[in-house]
């Protein structure tokens, strides 16, 4: 039920006053408008040249983070291709309000790394073990004082030994000099403090020229930026391109189902929902939309630092794929509740997919204020629905129970955020699941794998 969740206030408020909603929307829209990233990059490069600094990439490694294990495997090739200054920092990873589900984050990361590593020609065990606290501390002691060139090779060996069943972690550690417990803790504290000062919170991150790049999934953006500055081999493409969302040549003819857990206030949902619809249409997969309340409206806290990163990251992801993002008008609170009150009716009319798409486009791509009848009417009519009939259902109750059931099902699967996807076979059994617009390409490949086997 919507009422069971407590307003977090501040940057995570679920009920901003009208003026605050307008001002916040203007600020966020300006931050991601066309050309903003290019200007930010240009300013960073001018400042670097003026100050006489070398190009420098900083990498933040979390030893018990599977995404860091994958990222570390990329370091040797990256360092060879891009001869800039590299700095390595050990970090603890997200905590506090930046990690609302600490008991779920690392299990999700282990599952996800095993799912995607083969597609990037990287290594991660398909059935990883959970490192103990003592093993994690030993790994930190082994890595905290290594020169950059040695770290790249050692981090992969140590990371895989931590997670691989039956591995000889002790043997790997015997080949490395262990720093003292105090030295490792000091290095970790220094890394955490430095990352916090640079306004981030997570492991497996690359930092260059004022921007953050998450693990292997964002290396294509970092590499493209470096190449635009004439750094590294030119004309050879990037080492770690983003996999395409390829619907393939086989069609399921409705025998497979893709469940899409979405939210009307999720930037990542906004840029991927229509892609999910297109994938299902082209692959002959039945799409089942399962909306949930936005995180903030279900009591999940959000720091301003995390919110700013997500928004900027969404904008560059959208544009890298040839899409748009912004202007934005925040639909948090009442607009979302009113919109969801019409969802059951839209579904009865066979327009649920069009309705979700229209709302997301209005809020995130067109800057429409959905906190009034004029804005919501625009959404309803864009979805091919009748506004006069919609008013009979506006503000109705009953949708809360459905959204809460969707949330609980999503949690049971292993995810707590959107967009999340779950692929079901012809018997309704789960084949695989994934969290994030970053994983829609995985769903596409799993669909084709199933159809080839059929």
Protein backbone atom coordinates (compact mmCIF):
# COMPACT_ATOMS: atom_id res chain seq x y z
CA UNK A 1 0.00 0.00 0.00
CA UNK A 2 1.25 3.48 -0.83
CA UNK A 3 0.46 4.74 2.68
CA UNK A 4 2.80 2.28 4.40
CA UNK A 5 5.94 4.05 3.20
CA UNK A 6 7.44 7.01 5.01
CA UNK A 7 8.45 10.19 3.19
CA UNK A 8 12.25 10.41 3.30
CA UNK A 9 12.32 14.20 2.94
CA UNK A 10 15.11 16.33 1.48
CA UNK A 11 16.47 15.07 -1.83
CA UNK A 12 14.28 11.99 -1.45
CA UNK A 13 10.95 13.68 -0.75
CA UNK A 14 7.90 12.08 -2.32
CA UNK A 15 5.66 15.15 -2.06
CA UNK A 16 7.47 18.33 -3.15
CA UNK A 17 5.53 21.63 -3.16
CA UNK A 18 4.62 22.90 -6.63
CA UNK A 19 7.35 25.56 -6.67
CA UNK A 20 10.01 23.11 -5.48
CA UNK A 21 8.88 20.59 -8.11
CA UNK A 22 9.18 23.24 -10.83
CA UNK A 23 12.58 24.49 -9.67
CA UNK A 24 14.05 21.00 -9.29
CA UNK A 25 12.77 20.03 -12.72
CA UNK A 26 14.36 23.11 -14.28
CA UNK A 27 17.70 22.43 -12.62
CA UNK A 28 17.74 18.78 -13.67
CA UNK A 29 16.68 19.62 -17.22
CA UNK A 30 19.47 22.17 -17.56
CA UNK A 31 21.98 19.65 -16.26
CA UNK A 32 21.18 17.14 -19.01
CA UNK A 33 20.17 19.36 -21.91
CA UNK A 34 21.75 18.75 -25.31
CA UNK A 35 25.39 19.86 -25.31
CA UNK A 36 25.77 20.04 -21.51
CA UNK A 37 28.07 17.03 -21.35
CA UNK A 38 30.20 18.28 -24.23
CA UNK A 39 30.63 21.66 -22.54
CA UNK A 40 31.55 19.98 -19.28
CA UNK A 41 34.16 17.85 -21.03
CA UNK A 42 35.53 20.87 -22.88
CA UNK A 43 35.83 22.85 -19.65
CA UNK A 44 37.61 19.95 -17.94
CA UNK A 45 40.12 19.68 -20.78
CA UNK A 46 40.79 23.43 -20.80
CA UNK A 47 41.39 23.34 -17.04
CA UNK A 48 43.75 20.38 -17.40
CA UNK A 49 45.81 22.12 -20.07
CA UNK A 50 45.90 25.41 -18.17
CA UNK A 51 47.11 23.68 -15.00
CA UNK A 52 49.68 21.60 -16.87
CA UNK A 53 48.28 18.29 -15.64
CA UNK A 54 48.69 14.99 -17.47
CA UNK A 55 45.68 13.00 -18.60
CA UNK A 56 44.80 10.82 -15.61
CA UNK A 57 42.30 8.00 -15.13
CA UNK A 58 41.51 6.90 -11.60
CA UNK A 59 40.09 3.46 -10.90
CA UNK A 60 38.29 2.59 -7.64
CA UNK A 61 38.46 -1.10 -6.79
CA UNK A 62 36.28 -2.94 -4.27
CA UNK A 63 37.76 -6.38 -3.67
CA UNK A 64 34.47 -8.12 -2.75
CA UNK A 65 32.57 -6.58 -5.67
CA UNK A 66 32.07 -8.80 -8.74
CA UNK A 67 31.83 -5.75 -11.01
CA UNK A 68 35.28 -4.72 -9.80
CA UNK A 69 36.59 -8.20 -10.59
CA UNK A 70 35.39 -7.78 -14.17
CA UNK A 71 36.66 -4.20 -14.42
CA UNK A 72 40.11 -5.21 -13.16
CA UNK A 73 40.39 -7.73 -16.00
CA UNK A 74 40.06 -4.84 -18.45
CA UNK A 75 42.92 -2.82 -16.95
CA UNK A 76 45.89 -4.39 -18.81
CA UNK A 77 44.32 -3.85 -22.23
CA UNK A 78 43.13 -0.36 -21.31
CA UNK A 79 46.55 0.67 -20.02
CA UNK A 80 48.20 -0.62 -23.17
CA UNK A 81 45.73 1.15 -25.47
CA UNK A 82 45.57 4.44 -23.54
CA UNK A 83 49.04 5.53 -22.31
CA UNK A 84 47.92 8.05 -19.69
CA UNK A 85 48.58 8.31 -15.98
CA UNK A 86 46.62 5.67 -14.07
CA UNK A 87 45.85 5.75 -10.35
CA UNK A 88 44.33 2.90 -8.34
CA UNK A 89 42.34 3.26 -5.11
CA UNK A 90 40.81 0.60 -2.88
CA UNK A 91 37.31 1.42 -1.63
CA UNK A 92 34.69 -0.16 0.62
CA UNK A 93 31.77 0.30 -1.76
CA UNK A 94 28.34 1.83 -1.33
CA UNK A 95 26.88 2.10 2.15
CA UNK A 96 24.27 4.01 4.10
CA UNK A 97 21.67 5.78 1.98
CA UNK A 98 23.61 4.95 -1.18
CA UNK A 99 22.96 1.25 -0.55
CA UNK A 100 19.33 0.80 0.52
CA UNK A 101 19.43 -3.02 0.24
CA UNK A 102 22.88 -4.06 1.53
CA UNK A 103 21.86 -7.70 1.95
CA UNK A 104 20.79 -7.90 -1.70
CA UNK A 105 23.45 -5.85 -3.50
CA UNK A 106 26.36 -8.29 -3.53
CA UNK A 107 24.19 -11.36 -4.30
CA UNK A 108 22.75 -9.41 -7.23
CA UNK A 109 26.25 -8.47 -8.36
CA UNK A 110 27.44 -12.08 -8.21
CA UNK A 111 24.48 -13.27 -10.26
CA UNK A 112 24.80 -10.43 -12.76
CA UNK A 113 28.55 -10.81 -13.23
CA UNK A 114 28.16 -14.52 -13.95
CA UNK A 115 25.42 -13.66 -16.45
CA UNK A 116 27.28 -11.01 -18.47
CA UNK A 117 31.01 -11.80 -18.14
CA UNK A 118 31.06 -14.33 -21.03
CA UNK A 119 29.56 -11.78 -23.43
CA UNK A 120 32.49 -9.44 -22.73
CA UNK A 121 35.04 -12.28 -22.98
CA UNK A 122 35.74 -11.81 -19.27
CA UNK A 123 35.86 -14.38 -16.48
CA UNK A 124 33.61 -14.87 -13.49
CA UNK A 125 32.48 -18.21 -12.04
CA UNK A 126 28.97 -19.35 -12.95
CA UNK A 127 28.38 -20.52 -9.37
CA UNK A 128 30.41 -18.09 -7.25
CA UNK A 129 31.08 -18.58 -3.58
CA UNK A 130 30.74 -15.81 -0.99
CA UNK A 131 34.12 -14.61 0.32
CA UNK A 132 34.51 -14.51 4.08
CA UNK A 133 35.34 -11.31 5.95
CA UNK A 134 38.85 -12.62 6.65
CA UNK A 135 39.41 -13.44 2.98
CA UNK A 136 38.30 -9.97 1.93
CA UNK A 137 40.70 -8.39 4.41
CA UNK A 138 43.57 -10.56 3.15
CA UNK A 139 42.76 -9.55 -0.42
CA UNK A 140 42.89 -5.89 0.55
CA UNK A 141 46.24 -6.40 2.23
CA UNK A 142 47.56 -8.09 -0.91
CA UNK A 143 46.44 -5.32 -3.27
CA UNK A 144 46.64 -2.08 -1.30
CA UNK A 145 50.32 -1.29 -1.84
CA UNK A 146 51.00 -2.60 -5.34
CA UNK A 147 52.37 -0.44 -8.16
CA UNK A 148 49.76 0.24 -10.83
CA UNK A 149 51.29 -2.15 -13.38
CA UNK A 150 51.35 -5.04 -10.90
CA UNK A 151 47.89 -4.27 -9.55
CA UNK A 152 46.20 -4.88 -12.89
CA UNK A 153 47.32 -8.51 -13.07
CA UNK A 154 47.09 -9.23 -9.35
CA UNK A 155 43.56 -7.87 -8.93
CA UNK A 156 42.20 -10.33 -11.49
CA UNK A 157 43.94 -13.31 -9.90
CA UNK A 158 42.91 -12.36 -6.37
CA UNK A 159 39.35 -11.51 -7.40
CA UNK A 160 38.73 -14.77 -9.23
CA UNK A 161 40.30 -16.74 -6.39
CA UNK A 162 37.92 -15.05 -3.94
CA UNK A 163 34.81 -16.10 -5.86
CA UNK A 164 35.72 -19.39 -7.57
CA UNK A 165 34.71 -22.59 -5.76
CA UNK A 166 37.70 -24.70 -4.74
CA UNK A 167 40.24 -22.06 -5.76
CA UNK A 168 43.64 -21.79 -4.11
CA UNK A 169 43.30 -18.31 -2.63
CA UNK A 170 46.10 -18.99 -0.17
CA UNK A 171 48.40 -19.96 -3.03
CA UNK A 172 47.58 -16.76 -4.92
CA UNK A 173 48.18 -14.64 -1.83
CA UNK A 174 51.51 -16.40 -1.20
CA UNK A 175 52.80 -14.88 -4.44
CA UNK A 176 52.08 -11.36 -3.16
CA UNK A 177 53.48 -9.35 -0.30
CA UNK A 178 50.83 -8.64 2.31
CA UNK A 179 50.66 -5.18 3.82
CA UNK A 180 49.83 -4.90 7.49
CA UNK A 181 46.24 -4.72 8.69
CA UNK A 182 46.72 -1.07 9.62
CA UNK A 183 48.24 -0.23 6.23
CA UNK A 184 45.34 -1.86 4.38
CA UNK A 185 42.77 -0.07 6.51
CA UNK A 186 44.52 3.25 5.99
CA UNK A 187 44.54 2.70 2.23
CA UNK A 188 40.85 1.82 2.30
CA UNK A 189 39.96 4.89 4.34
CA UNK A 190 41.98 7.10 2.01
CA UNK A 191 40.27 5.61 -1.04
CA UNK A 192 36.81 6.07 0.46
CA UNK A 193 37.56 9.67 1.42
CA UNK A 194 38.95 10.49 -2.01
CA UNK A 195 35.98 8.96 -3.82
CA UNK A 196 33.55 10.78 -1.55
CA UNK A 197 35.33 14.07 -2.26
CA UNK A 198 34.88 13.37 -5.98
CA UNK A 199 31.17 12.75 -5.31
CA UNK A 200 30.73 9.04 -5.80
CA UNK A 201 30.09 6.01 -3.65
CA UNK A 202 30.51 2.73 -5.54
CA UNK A 203 33.23 0.22 -6.40
CA UNK A 204 34.29 -0.75 -9.91
CA UNK A 205 34.26 2.89 -11.04
CA UNK A 206 36.53 4.81 -13.41
CA UNK A 207 36.94 8.58 -13.03
CA UNK A 208 38.24 10.89 -15.71
CA UNK A 209 37.92 14.63 -16.22
CA UNK A 210 35.04 15.15 -13.80
CA UNK A 211 32.90 12.22 -14.96
CA UNK A 212 32.30 8.71 -13.63
CA UNK A 213 32.14 5.48 -15.65
CA UNK A 214 30.70 2.31 -14.13
CA UNK A 215 32.70 -0.84 -14.77
CA UNK A 216 32.81 -2.61 -18.09
CA UNK A 217 29.32 -1.33 -18.98
CA UNK A 218 30.51 2.27 -19.36
CA UNK A 219 33.99 1.70 -20.74
CA UNK A 220 32.75 2.36 -24.26
CA UNK A 221 31.88 5.91 -23.18
CA UNK A 222 35.23 6.46 -21.46
CA UNK A 223 37.11 5.06 -24.44
CA UNK A 224 35.15 7.21 -26.89
CA UNK A 225 35.96 10.30 -24.85
CA UNK A 226 39.66 9.46 -24.74
CA UNK A 227 39.77 8.81 -28.47
CA UNK A 228 38.04 12.13 -29.16
CA UNK A 229 41.04 13.76 -27.45
CA UNK A 230 43.47 11.86 -29.66
CA UNK A 231 44.52 9.47 -26.90
CA UNK A 232 45.29 5.88 -27.85
CA UNK A 233 45.20 4.08 -31.16
CA UNK A 234 42.83 5.80 -33.56
CA UNK A 235 40.49 4.15 -36.01
CA UNK A 236 40.41 0.80 -34.22
CA UNK A 237 37.17 1.26 -32.33
CA UNK A 238 36.80 0.70 -28.61
CA UNK A 239 38.01 -2.34 -26.72
CA UNK A 240 34.76 -2.85 -24.83
CA UNK A 241 31.80 -1.82 -27.01
CA UNK A 242 28.30 -1.86 -25.63
CA UNK A 243 26.46 -4.99 -26.85
CA UNK A 244 23.57 -4.20 -29.18
CA UNK A 245 19.95 -5.07 -28.36
CA UNK A 246 19.62 -7.55 -31.20
CA UNK A 247 16.18 -9.17 -31.65
CA UNK A 248 17.75 -11.80 -33.91
CA UNK A 249 16.09 -13.74 -36.70
CA UNK A 250 13.99 -16.25 -34.76
CA UNK A 251 10.50 -15.34 -33.56
CA UNK A 252 8.79 -16.75 -30.49
CA UNK A 253 5.21 -16.25 -31.72
CA UNK A 254 4.06 -15.57 -28.17
CA UNK A 255 5.59 -18.69 -26.62
CA UNK A 256 7.90 -16.61 -24.40
CA UNK A 257 7.02 -13.83 -21.96
CA UNK A 258 9.12 -10.89 -20.87
CA UNK A 259 8.00 -9.35 -17.60
CA UNK A 260 9.04 -5.71 -17.31
CA UNK A 261 9.02 -4.15 -13.84
CA UNK A 262 8.80 -0.41 -14.40
CA UNK A 263 8.23 2.84 -12.56
CA UNK A 264 6.79 6.11 -13.84
CA UNK A 265 9.56 8.10 -12.17
CA UNK A 266 12.58 6.05 -13.24
CA UNK A 267 15.00 7.74 -15.68
CA UNK A 268 16.45 4.40 -16.76
CA UNK A 269 12.94 3.04 -17.38
CA UNK A 270 12.17 6.12 -19.46
CA UNK A 271 14.99 5.47 -21.93
CA UNK A 272 14.53 1.70 -22.17
CA UNK A 273 10.79 1.03 -22.05
CA UNK A 274 10.17 1.66 -25.74
CA UNK A 275 13.24 -0.46 -26.55
CA UNK A 276 11.77 -3.33 -24.53
CA UNK A 277 8.49 -2.94 -26.40
CA UNK A 278 10.30 -2.97 -29.75
CA UNK A 279 12.35 -6.02 -28.78
CA UNK A 280 9.23 -7.98 -27.85
CA UNK A 281 7.42 -6.92 -31.02
CA UNK A 282 10.29 -7.95 -33.28
CA UNK A 283 11.08 -11.19 -31.43
CA UNK A 284 7.46 -12.28 -31.06
CA UNK A 285 7.64 -12.23 -27.26
CA UNK A 286 4.65 -11.39 -25.09
CA UNK A 287 5.35 -8.32 -22.94
CA UNK A 288 3.80 -8.16 -19.49
CA UNK A 289 4.14 -4.77 -17.82
CA UNK A 290 4.39 -4.86 -14.03
CA UNK A 291 4.47 -1.32 -12.60
CA UNK A 292 5.79 -0.55 -9.13
CA UNK A 293 5.92 2.61 -7.07
CA UNK A 294 9.03 4.76 -7.50
CA UNK A 295 11.75 3.92 -4.98
CA UNK A 296 11.35 7.19 -3.09
CA UNK A 297 7.58 6.63 -2.79
CA UNK A 298 8.17 3.20 -1.24
CA UNK A 299 10.53 4.42 1.45
CA UNK A 300 13.87 3.88 -0.31
CA UNK A 301 16.24 6.74 0.45
CA UNK A 302 18.24 8.53 -2.23
CA UNK A 303 21.19 10.86 -1.77
CA UNK A 304 21.60 13.90 -3.96
CA UNK A 305 24.98 12.57 -5.13
CA UNK A 306 23.43 9.33 -6.34
CA UNK A 307 20.47 11.09 -7.92
CA UNK A 308 22.72 13.45 -9.89
CA UNK A 309 24.89 10.59 -11.14
CA UNK A 310 21.86 8.57 -12.26
CA UNK A 311 20.37 11.51 -14.13
CA UNK A 312 23.57 12.39 -15.98
CA UNK A 313 24.28 8.75 -16.72
CA UNK A 314 20.79 8.28 -18.15
CA UNK A 315 21.21 11.26 -20.47
CA UNK A 316 24.50 10.08 -21.93
CA UNK A 317 23.20 6.52 -22.30
CA UNK A 318 20.16 7.76 -24.19
CA UNK A 319 22.19 9.91 -26.55
CA UNK A 320 24.84 7.26 -27.12
CA UNK A 321 22.02 5.09 -28.51
CA UNK A 322 20.66 7.87 -30.68
CA UNK A 323 17.79 8.73 -28.34
CA UNK A 324 16.68 11.79 -26.42
CA UNK A 325 16.49 12.67 -22.74
CA UNK A 326 15.01 15.85 -21.32
CA UNK A 327 13.47 18.25 -20.72
CA UNK A 328 12.18 16.76 -17.48
CA UNK A 329 9.24 17.60 -15.23
CA UNK A 330 9.31 15.58 -12.02
CA UNK A 331 6.19 13.38 -11.65
CA UNK A 332 7.00 12.23 -8.10
CA UNK A 333 4.08 12.00 -5.70
CA UNK A 334 0.60 12.99 -6.81
CA UNK A 335 1.21 12.77 -10.60
CA UNK A 336 2.42 9.19 -10.25
CA UNK A 337 -0.51 8.24 -8.01
CA UNK A 338 -3.03 9.79 -10.39
CA UNK A 339 -1.41 8.15 -13.39
CA UNK A 340 -1.41 4.73 -11.73
CA UNK A 341 -5.08 5.12 -10.83
CA UNK A 342 -5.78 5.00 -14.59
CA UNK A 343 -3.51 2.04 -15.32
CA UNK A 344 -6.08 -0.75 -14.71
CA UNK A 345 -8.54 1.03 -17.01
CA UNK A 346 -5.87 1.57 -19.68
CA UNK A 347 -5.07 -2.15 -19.52
CA UNK A 348 -8.74 -3.07 -19.94
CA UNK A 349 -8.72 -0.96 -23.10
CA UNK A 350 -5.66 -2.83 -24.38
CA UNK A 351 -3.55 0.34 -24.13
CA UNK A 352 -1.42 -0.28 -21.02
CA UNK A 353 1.88 -0.37 -22.92
CA UNK A 354 1.03 2.76 -24.89
CA UNK A 355 -0.07 4.49 -21.68
CA UNK A 356 3.15 3.77 -19.77
CA UNK A 357 5.18 4.86 -22.80
CA UNK A 358 3.21 8.08 -23.19
CA UNK A 359 3.64 9.02 -19.53
CA UNK A 360 7.39 8.35 -19.50
CA UNK A 361 7.90 10.31 -22.71
CA UNK A 362 5.86 13.23 -21.37
CA UNK A 363 7.72 13.43 -18.06
CA UNK A 364 11.27 12.66 -19.21
CA UNK A 365 11.51 13.67 -22.87
CA UNK A 366 8.99 16.50 -23.26
CA UNK A 367 9.02 18.23 -19.87
CA UNK A 368 5.25 17.98 -19.46
CA UNK A 369 3.84 18.88 -16.06
CA UNK A 370 1.69 15.85 -15.27
CA UNK A 371 0.60 17.38 -11.95
CA UNK A 372 -2.47 18.90 -13.56
CA UNK A 373 -5.34 17.77 -15.77
CA UNK A 374 -3.87 19.35 -18.88
CA UNK A 375 -0.65 17.36 -18.61
CA UNK A 376 -2.35 14.09 -17.73
CA UNK A 377 -4.87 14.58 -20.53
CA UNK A 378 -1.97 14.90 -22.96
CA UNK A 379 -0.66 11.53 -21.73
CA UNK A 380 -4.05 9.82 -21.96
CA UNK A 381 -4.75 11.04 -25.47
CA UNK A 382 -1.20 10.24 -26.66
CA UNK A 383 -1.91 6.66 -25.56
CA UNK A 384 -4.99 6.56 -27.79
CA UNK A 385 -7.44 6.78 -24.89
CA UNK A 386 -10.45 9.02 -24.31
CA UNK A 387 -9.95 11.76 -21.71
CA UNK A 388 -13.64 12.16 -20.86
CA UNK A 389 -13.88 8.45 -20.07
CA UNK A 390 -10.58 8.54 -18.17
CA UNK A 391 -12.00 11.05 -15.70
CA UNK A 392 -14.44 8.41 -14.46
CA UNK A 393 -11.48 6.38 -13.17
CA UNK A 394 -9.09 9.17 -12.16
CA UNK A 395 -8.22 8.92 -8.48
CA UNK A 396 -9.74 5.46 -8.07
CA UNK A 397 -8.21 3.02 -5.60
CA UNK A 398 -7.25 -0.62 -5.82
CA UNK A 399 -4.12 -0.19 -7.92
CA UNK A 400 -1.95 -0.02 -4.79
CA UNK A 401 -2.38 -3.71 -4.01
CA UNK A 402 -1.33 -4.72 -7.51
CA UNK A 403 1.79 -2.54 -7.44
CA UNK A 404 2.75 -3.84 -4.01
CA UNK A 405 2.37 -7.43 -5.25
CA UNK A 406 4.63 -6.57 -8.18
CA UNK A 407 7.21 -5.10 -5.80
CA UNK A 408 7.22 -8.19 -3.63
CA UNK A 409 7.57 -10.45 -6.66
CA UNK A 410 10.48 -8.34 -7.89
CA UNK A 411 12.16 -8.59 -4.49
CA UNK A 412 11.68 -12.35 -4.44
CA UNK A 413 13.41 -12.56 -7.81
CA UNK A 414 16.44 -10.71 -6.44
CA UNK A 415 15.94 -7.12 -7.54
CA UNK A 416 14.63 -4.05 -5.76
CA UNK A 417 14.89 -1.50 -8.56
CA UNK A 418 13.65 -0.77 -12.04
CA UNK A 419 13.65 -1.47 -14.81
CA UNK A 420 13.97 -5.17 -14.07
CA UNK A 421 13.21 -7.92 -16.55
CA UNK A 422 12.22 -11.56 -16.12
CA UNK A 423 12.11 -13.97 -19.05
CA UNK A 424 9.62 -16.86 -18.84
CA UNK A 425 9.45 -19.92 -21.06
CA UNK A 426 6.33 -21.39 -22.67
CA UNK A 427 5.44 -23.09 -19.37
CA UNK A 428 5.71 -19.85 -17.42
CA UNK A 429 8.95 -20.92 -15.75
CA UNK A 430 11.69 -18.39 -15.15
CA UNK A 431 14.63 -18.66 -17.56
CA UNK A 432 16.61 -15.69 -16.31
CA UNK A 433 16.18 -12.22 -14.90
CA UNK A 434 18.18 -9.02 -14.87
CA UNK A 435 18.08 -5.56 -13.39
CA UNK A 436 18.65 -2.45 -15.44
CA UNK A 437 18.38 -1.00 -18.90
CA UNK A 438 22.00 -2.17 -19.23
CA UNK A 439 20.72 -5.75 -19.43
CA UNK A 440 18.05 -5.54 -22.11
CA UNK A 441 20.63 -6.82 -24.60
CA UNK A 442 21.09 -9.89 -22.37
CA UNK A 443 17.35 -10.57 -22.53
CA UNK A 444 17.52 -10.31 -26.33
CA UNK A 445 20.31 -12.87 -26.50
CA UNK A 446 18.63 -15.23 -24.06
CA UNK A 447 15.46 -15.08 -26.16
CA UNK A 448 17.40 -16.09 -29.25
CA UNK A 449 19.24 -18.82 -27.35
CA UNK A 450 15.93 -20.36 -26.28
CA UNK A 451 14.46 -20.17 -29.76
CA UNK A 452 17.51 -21.80 -31.35
CA UNK A 453 17.23 -24.67 -28.88
CA UNK A 454 13.49 -25.11 -29.46
